[in-house]
Protein backbone atom coordinates (compact mmCIF):
# COMPACT_ATOMS: atom_id res chain seq x y z
CA MET A 1 0.00 0.00 0.00
CA TYR A 2 2.76 2.45 0.90
CA ARG A 3 4.71 1.66 -2.26
CA SER A 4 1.60 2.16 -4.38
CA GLY A 5 0.91 5.55 -2.79
CA ALA A 6 4.53 6.61 -3.18
CA ALA A 7 4.56 5.55 -6.84
CA MET A 8 1.37 7.50 -7.50
CA ALA A 9 2.78 10.61 -5.83
CA TRP A 10 5.97 10.28 -7.86
CA ASN A 11 4.01 9.90 -11.12
CA VAL A 12 1.93 12.97 -10.32
CA PHE A 13 5.10 14.90 -9.51
CA LYS A 14 6.67 13.91 -12.83
CA PHE A 15 3.48 14.85 -14.65
CA CYS A 16 3.40 18.31 -13.04
CA THR A 17 7.08 18.81 -13.80
CA ALA A 18 6.46 17.88 -17.44
CA LEU A 19 3.64 20.43 -17.66
CA ARG A 20 5.96 23.16 -16.35
CA GLY A 21 8.48 22.24 -19.03
CA LEU A 22 5.94 22.66 -21.82
CA GLY A 23 5.93 26.43 -21.29
CA SER A 24 7.83 27.93 -24.19
CA ILE A 25 6.91 25.02 -26.47
CA MET A 26 3.17 25.72 -26.18
CA ILE A 27 3.65 29.46 -26.75
CA LEU A 28 5.74 28.72 -29.83
CA LEU A 29 3.07 26.29 -31.03
CA VAL A 30 0.36 28.94 -30.73
CA LEU A 31 2.52 31.49 -32.54
CA GLY A 32 3.33 28.86 -35.17
CA VAL A 33 -0.36 28.28 -35.91
CA VAL A 34 -0.87 32.05 -36.11
CA GLY A 35 2.09 32.33 -38.47
CA VAL A 36 0.87 29.57 -40.81
CA THR A 37 -2.60 31.13 -40.85
CA TYR A 38 -1.25 34.61 -41.56
CA TYR A 39 0.95 33.36 -44.39
CA ALA A 40 -1.88 31.40 -46.02
CA LEU A 41 -4.63 33.98 -45.67
CA VAL A 42 -2.80 37.29 -46.07
CA LEU A 43 0.33 36.61 -48.12
CA CYS A 44 -0.91 33.79 -50.35
CA ASN A 45 -4.57 34.54 -50.96
CA TYR A 46 -6.23 37.80 -49.91
CA GLY A 47 -3.17 40.05 -49.96
CA PRO A 48 -2.56 39.52 -53.71
CA ALA A 49 -6.32 39.93 -54.34
CA LEU A 50 -6.10 43.56 -53.23
CA THR A 51 -4.64 44.52 -56.61
CA SER A 52 -7.08 42.51 -58.75
CA GLY A 53 -9.73 45.23 -58.72
CA GLY A 54 -13.51 45.00 -58.64
CA LEU A 55 -15.46 42.87 -56.19
CA ASP A 56 -12.48 40.66 -55.38
CA SER A 57 -10.55 43.64 -54.02
CA LEU A 58 -13.50 44.77 -51.94
CA ILE A 59 -13.93 41.31 -50.43
CA ALA A 60 -10.18 41.10 -49.75
CA VAL A 61 -10.21 44.44 -47.93
CA LEU A 62 -13.18 43.36 -45.79
CA VAL A 63 -11.64 39.96 -44.93
CA LEU A 64 -8.26 41.47 -44.07
CA ILE A 65 -9.75 44.17 -41.83
CA ILE A 66 -11.83 41.63 -39.90
CA PHE A 67 -8.89 39.19 -39.72
CA HIS A 68 -6.37 41.72 -38.40
CA THR A 69 -8.85 43.16 -35.89
CA LEU A 70 -9.66 39.75 -34.44
CA LEU A 71 -5.99 38.72 -34.54
CA GLY A 72 -5.02 41.79 -32.52
CA MET A 73 -7.69 41.09 -29.89
CA LEU A 74 -6.76 37.39 -29.81
CA LEU A 75 -3.06 38.08 -29.18
CA TRP A 76 -3.84 40.81 -26.65
CA SER A 77 -6.11 38.44 -24.71
CA TYR A 78 -3.70 35.52 -25.04
CA PHE A 79 -0.65 37.31 -23.68
CA SER A 80 -2.78 38.91 -20.96
CA VAL A 81 -3.60 35.40 -19.72
CA VAL A 82 0.02 34.27 -20.07
CA PHE A 83 1.58 37.20 -18.21
CA THR A 84 -1.14 38.02 -15.65
CA ASP A 85 -0.75 36.37 -12.26
CA PRO A 86 -4.04 34.53 -11.58
CA GLY A 87 -3.86 35.59 -7.94
CA GLY A 88 -2.00 34.22 -4.94
CA VAL A 89 -2.80 34.24 -1.25
CA PRO A 90 -1.38 37.40 0.39
CA PRO A 91 1.26 36.89 3.12
CA ASN A 92 -0.27 36.46 6.60
CA TYR A 93 -3.79 36.23 5.12
CA ARG A 94 -6.50 35.92 7.79
CA PRO A 95 -10.23 35.60 7.04
CA LEU A 96 -12.48 38.14 8.71
CA VAL A 97 -15.36 35.69 9.06
CA ASP A 98 -15.86 31.99 9.53
CA GLN A 99 -15.90 30.60 6.00
CA GLU A 100 -17.86 27.50 6.96
CA ARG A 101 -20.45 28.96 9.35
CA GLY A 102 -21.13 32.07 7.27
CA GLU A 103 -20.74 35.81 7.56
CA ILE A 104 -22.79 36.04 10.73
CA ASP A 105 -20.03 34.42 12.79
CA PRO A 106 -16.84 36.52 12.91
CA LEU A 107 -13.74 34.55 13.74
CA GLU A 108 -12.02 35.21 17.01
CA ALA A 109 -8.25 35.65 17.10
CA SER A 110 -7.99 32.60 19.34
CA GLU A 111 -9.35 30.39 16.56
CA PHE A 112 -6.33 31.05 14.38
CA GLY A 113 -3.78 30.14 16.97
CA PRO A 114 -0.46 32.03 16.68
CA LEU A 115 -0.12 33.84 13.35
CA THR A 116 2.94 31.81 12.47
CA THR A 117 1.40 28.45 13.37
CA PRO A 118 -2.29 28.28 12.39
CA ASP A 119 -4.11 25.16 13.48
CA PRO A 120 -4.77 22.97 10.41
CA THR A 121 -7.22 20.83 12.40
CA ASN A 122 -9.61 23.75 12.92
CA ALA A 123 -12.54 22.90 10.63
CA SER A 124 -13.95 26.43 10.78
CA ILE A 125 -11.28 27.79 8.44
CA ARG A 126 -9.82 26.56 5.15
CA TYR A 127 -6.20 25.52 5.37
CA CYS A 128 -3.74 24.26 2.73
CA ARG A 129 -1.43 21.59 4.10
CA LYS A 130 0.89 21.87 1.09
CA CYS A 131 1.42 25.63 1.38
CA ASN A 132 1.01 25.65 5.18
CA GLN A 133 -1.27 28.68 5.04
CA LEU A 134 -4.91 29.65 5.32
CA LYS A 135 -6.97 29.69 2.12
CA PRO A 136 -9.48 32.38 1.08
CA PRO A 137 -12.92 31.31 -0.18
CA ARG A 138 -12.91 29.53 -3.56
CA CYS A 139 -9.11 29.17 -3.47
CA HIS A 140 -7.47 25.89 -4.51
CA HIS A 141 -3.94 24.51 -4.62
CA CYS A 142 -2.37 24.02 -8.06
CA SER A 143 0.10 21.14 -8.15
CA VAL A 144 1.66 22.42 -11.37
CA CYS A 145 2.32 25.94 -10.07
CA GLY A 146 3.05 24.63 -6.59
CA ARG A 147 0.91 27.22 -4.79
CA CYS A 148 -2.65 28.17 -3.91
CA VAL A 149 -4.50 30.14 -6.60
CA LEU A 150 -7.42 32.49 -5.95
CA LYS A 151 -10.69 31.22 -7.48
CA MET A 152 -8.73 28.67 -9.45
CA ASP A 153 -10.50 27.33 -12.54
CA HIS A 154 -7.79 25.09 -14.00
CA HIS A 155 -4.17 25.02 -15.09
CA CYS A 156 -4.02 25.57 -18.85
CA VAL A 157 -1.02 24.27 -20.77
CA TRP A 158 -1.92 26.45 -23.76
CA VAL A 159 -1.40 29.66 -21.79
CA VAL A 160 1.34 28.17 -19.57
CA ASN A 161 -0.41 29.56 -16.51
CA CYS A 162 -3.16 28.94 -14.04
CA VAL A 163 -6.54 30.43 -14.86
CA GLY A 164 -7.86 32.12 -11.73
CA ALA A 165 -9.52 35.19 -10.29
CA LEU A 166 -7.29 37.81 -11.90
CA ASN A 167 -7.06 36.41 -15.44
CA TYR A 168 -10.25 34.34 -15.92
CA LYS A 169 -11.90 37.13 -17.95
CA TYR A 170 -8.82 37.31 -20.18
CA PHE A 171 -8.98 33.55 -20.74
CA LEU A 172 -12.65 33.74 -21.74
CA LEU A 173 -11.89 36.56 -24.17
CA PHE A 174 -9.03 34.48 -25.59
CA LEU A 175 -11.49 31.64 -26.26
CA PHE A 176 -14.03 34.06 -27.71
CA TYR A 177 -11.65 35.77 -30.13
CA THR A 178 -9.98 32.48 -31.05
CA PHE A 179 -13.35 31.05 -32.05
CA LEU A 180 -14.25 34.13 -34.12
CA GLU A 181 -10.81 34.27 -35.73
CA THR A 182 -10.70 30.59 -36.66
CA MET A 183 -14.25 30.72 -38.04
CA VAL A 184 -13.38 33.74 -40.21
CA VAL A 185 -10.26 32.00 -41.53
CA THR A 186 -12.16 28.75 -42.15
CA LEU A 187 -14.87 30.51 -44.15
CA ALA A 188 -12.36 32.68 -46.00
CA LEU A 189 -10.26 29.68 -47.07
CA LEU A 190 -13.22 27.39 -47.79
CA PRO A 191 -13.32 28.18 -51.55
CA GLN A 192 -9.61 27.41 -51.87
CA PHE A 193 -10.06 24.20 -49.85
CA LEU A 194 -12.95 23.02 -52.04
CA ALA A 195 -10.86 23.75 -55.13
CA PHE A 196 -8.49 20.96 -54.07
CA PHE A 197 -11.24 18.43 -54.82
CA SER A 198 -12.28 19.89 -58.17
CA ASP A 199 -10.86 19.29 -61.62
CA GLU A 200 -9.88 22.94 -62.03
CA ASP A 201 -6.27 24.06 -62.19
CA ILE A 202 -5.34 25.80 -58.94
CA PRO A 203 -2.94 28.74 -59.23
CA GLY A 204 0.03 28.87 -56.90
CA SER A 205 3.14 26.90 -56.02
CA PRO A 206 2.94 23.51 -54.26
CA SER A 207 4.18 25.06 -51.00
CA THR A 208 1.51 27.78 -51.17
CA LEU A 209 -1.24 25.24 -51.80
CA ALA A 210 0.02 22.98 -49.00
CA THR A 211 0.12 25.90 -46.54
CA THR A 212 -3.42 26.94 -47.48
CA PHE A 213 -4.67 23.39 -47.00
CA LEU A 214 -2.92 23.10 -43.63
CA ALA A 215 -4.20 26.46 -42.44
CA PHE A 216 -7.79 25.52 -43.29
CA VAL A 217 -7.60 22.17 -41.47
CA LEU A 218 -5.93 23.69 -38.38
CA ASN A 219 -8.40 26.55 -38.09
CA LEU A 220 -11.40 24.28 -38.59
CA ALA A 221 -10.12 21.94 -35.89
CA PHE A 222 -9.47 24.80 -33.46
CA ALA A 223 -12.86 26.39 -34.19
CA LEU A 224 -14.72 23.17 -33.34
CA SER A 225 -12.72 22.41 -30.21
CA VAL A 226 -12.73 25.98 -28.86
CA PHE A 227 -16.49 26.22 -29.47
CA GLY A 228 -17.04 23.36 -27.02
CA PHE A 229 -14.85 24.99 -24.35
CA LEU A 230 -16.55 28.33 -24.93
CA ILE A 231 -20.02 26.86 -24.40
CA MET A 232 -18.85 25.10 -21.24
CA HIS A 233 -17.37 28.28 -19.75
CA ILE A 234 -20.44 30.33 -20.68
CA SER A 235 -22.51 27.92 -18.59
CA LEU A 236 -19.99 28.21 -15.73
CA VAL A 237 -20.09 32.02 -15.80
CA SER A 238 -23.90 32.02 -15.90
CA ALA A 239 -23.90 29.95 -12.68
CA ASN A 240 -20.97 31.86 -11.11
CA THR A 241 -18.85 28.79 -10.68
CA THR A 242 -15.49 27.45 -11.83
CA THR A 243 -14.54 24.16 -13.46
CA ILE A 244 -13.29 22.82 -10.11
CA GLU A 245 -16.37 24.03 -8.23
CA ALA A 246 -18.74 22.62 -10.85
CA TYR A 247 -17.24 19.19 -10.16
CA GLU A 248 -17.21 19.62 -6.38
CA LYS A 249 -20.80 20.90 -6.05
CA LYS A 250 -22.50 18.13 -8.03
CA THR A 251 -24.16 16.96 -4.83
CA THR A 252 -25.12 20.51 -3.74
CA PRO A 253 -28.68 21.45 -4.74
CA LYS A 254 -28.07 25.21 -4.42
CA TRP A 255 -24.92 27.24 -4.96
CA ARG A 256 -24.31 30.09 -2.53
CA TYR A 257 -22.52 32.27 -5.09
CA ASP A 258 -25.25 32.06 -7.76
CA LEU A 259 -26.54 35.66 -7.75
CA GLY A 260 -28.49 35.54 -11.00
CA ARG A 261 -27.12 35.59 -14.54
CA LYS A 262 -26.59 39.36 -14.78
CA ARG A 263 -24.69 39.68 -11.49
CA ASN A 264 -22.83 36.44 -12.15
CA PHE A 265 -21.61 37.88 -15.44
CA GLU A 266 -20.53 41.09 -13.72
CA GLN A 267 -18.53 39.11 -11.14
CA VAL A 268 -16.19 38.13 -14.00
CA PHE A 269 -16.46 40.92 -16.58
CA GLY A 270 -17.25 43.93 -14.36
CA THR A 271 -20.10 46.41 -14.71
CA VAL A 272 -18.58 48.90 -17.16
CA GLN A 273 -19.76 47.75 -20.59
CA ARG A 274 -16.97 49.34 -22.64
CA TYR A 275 -14.50 47.06 -20.84
CA TRP A 276 -16.41 43.82 -21.43
CA PHE A 277 -14.65 42.90 -24.66
CA ILE A 278 -11.10 43.93 -23.79
CA PRO A 279 -8.68 42.18 -21.37
CA ALA A 280 -8.76 44.94 -18.76
CA TYR A 281 -10.93 46.31 -15.94
CA SER A 282 -12.00 49.85 -15.17
CA ASP A 283 -10.58 51.51 -12.06
CA GLU A 284 -14.15 51.96 -10.86
CA ASP A 285 -14.87 48.22 -10.94
CA LEU A 286 -11.55 47.37 -9.28
CA ARG A 287 -12.38 49.75 -6.42
CA ARG A 288 -15.91 48.65 -5.69
CA MET A 289 -15.99 44.96 -6.68
CA PRO A 290 -14.01 42.78 -4.24
CA ALA A 291 -14.69 39.70 -6.37
CA LEU A 292 -12.33 41.03 -9.04
CA GLN A 293 -9.51 40.96 -6.47
CA GLY A 294 -10.18 37.31 -5.66
CA LEU A 295 -10.43 37.42 -1.85
CA GLU A 296 -14.09 38.19 -1.10
CA TYR A 297 -17.25 37.15 -2.92
CA PRO A 298 -20.88 38.18 -2.42
CA SER A 299 -23.25 35.32 -1.74
CA LYS A 300 -26.89 34.65 -1.03
CA PRO A 301 -27.68 35.44 2.63
CA ASP A 302 -29.95 32.41 2.99
CA LEU A 303 -27.12 30.12 1.85
CA ASP A 304 -24.23 31.64 3.79
CA ALA A 305 -24.05 28.59 6.05
CA GLN A 306 -23.52 26.27 3.07
CA GLU A 307 -20.14 24.59 3.06
CA PHE A 308 -17.90 24.81 0.00
């Protein structure tokens, strides 16, 4: 039994170490797909069409404007997820209220024990045995990052980072713009793709045709896969939950943080509409919405005693 447990722990450790090592490779892979797509769409097909005149030039201008706009938003959102810390537990964090009994029961200083040695056996507060520190509400430990992450959703190898309280909106925008971008590219390259299966002579060198074919297949595959993730995360946002919490609360009939679809959406995207579609928050929302900082979350008063 001991050997089995030790082997499992060692395998998990090796798996987490491997995920850390994927970092630059995954970023280069994403940039590689972007590069292949840009070469096929802009340099091989719609860029040359700009000088053809007539309707073809008009269509090329429209496609290139939409493509570059979405590409800019995609890369902005992507690198915002990559380089934004998802949120860590502040040093010497102490909850102001009992997280299990609800907001009506403030914690006494004696319940913590000494600040340097909190009691991990105290069930009234959340404690991480791996980090040896108290955990805020909705915080989970990431084995890949080796630390507790605020409102952790998951660790994403594509962004080489945890997705948590401070970058979840950016991740959703990355999915959103990736889906739009890949759909635009798929539709734009569809005529060229169908031409491969016709008897017509296709203009262009073999390398150009191969790149166009590859770009179409890659973008179609990404569009279909990202669409599924996007639908899943839309349902999570509408219920004000994370991927981890959705799994953990399967047996819970009511969710204490479900404030209604409008407020649930605002807990992730903020209340200022002009910021909804960019990877940033307004100063006003950051000042008056604690949920965006990842430490405090509004909940239903009648469900404050619910454990989580």
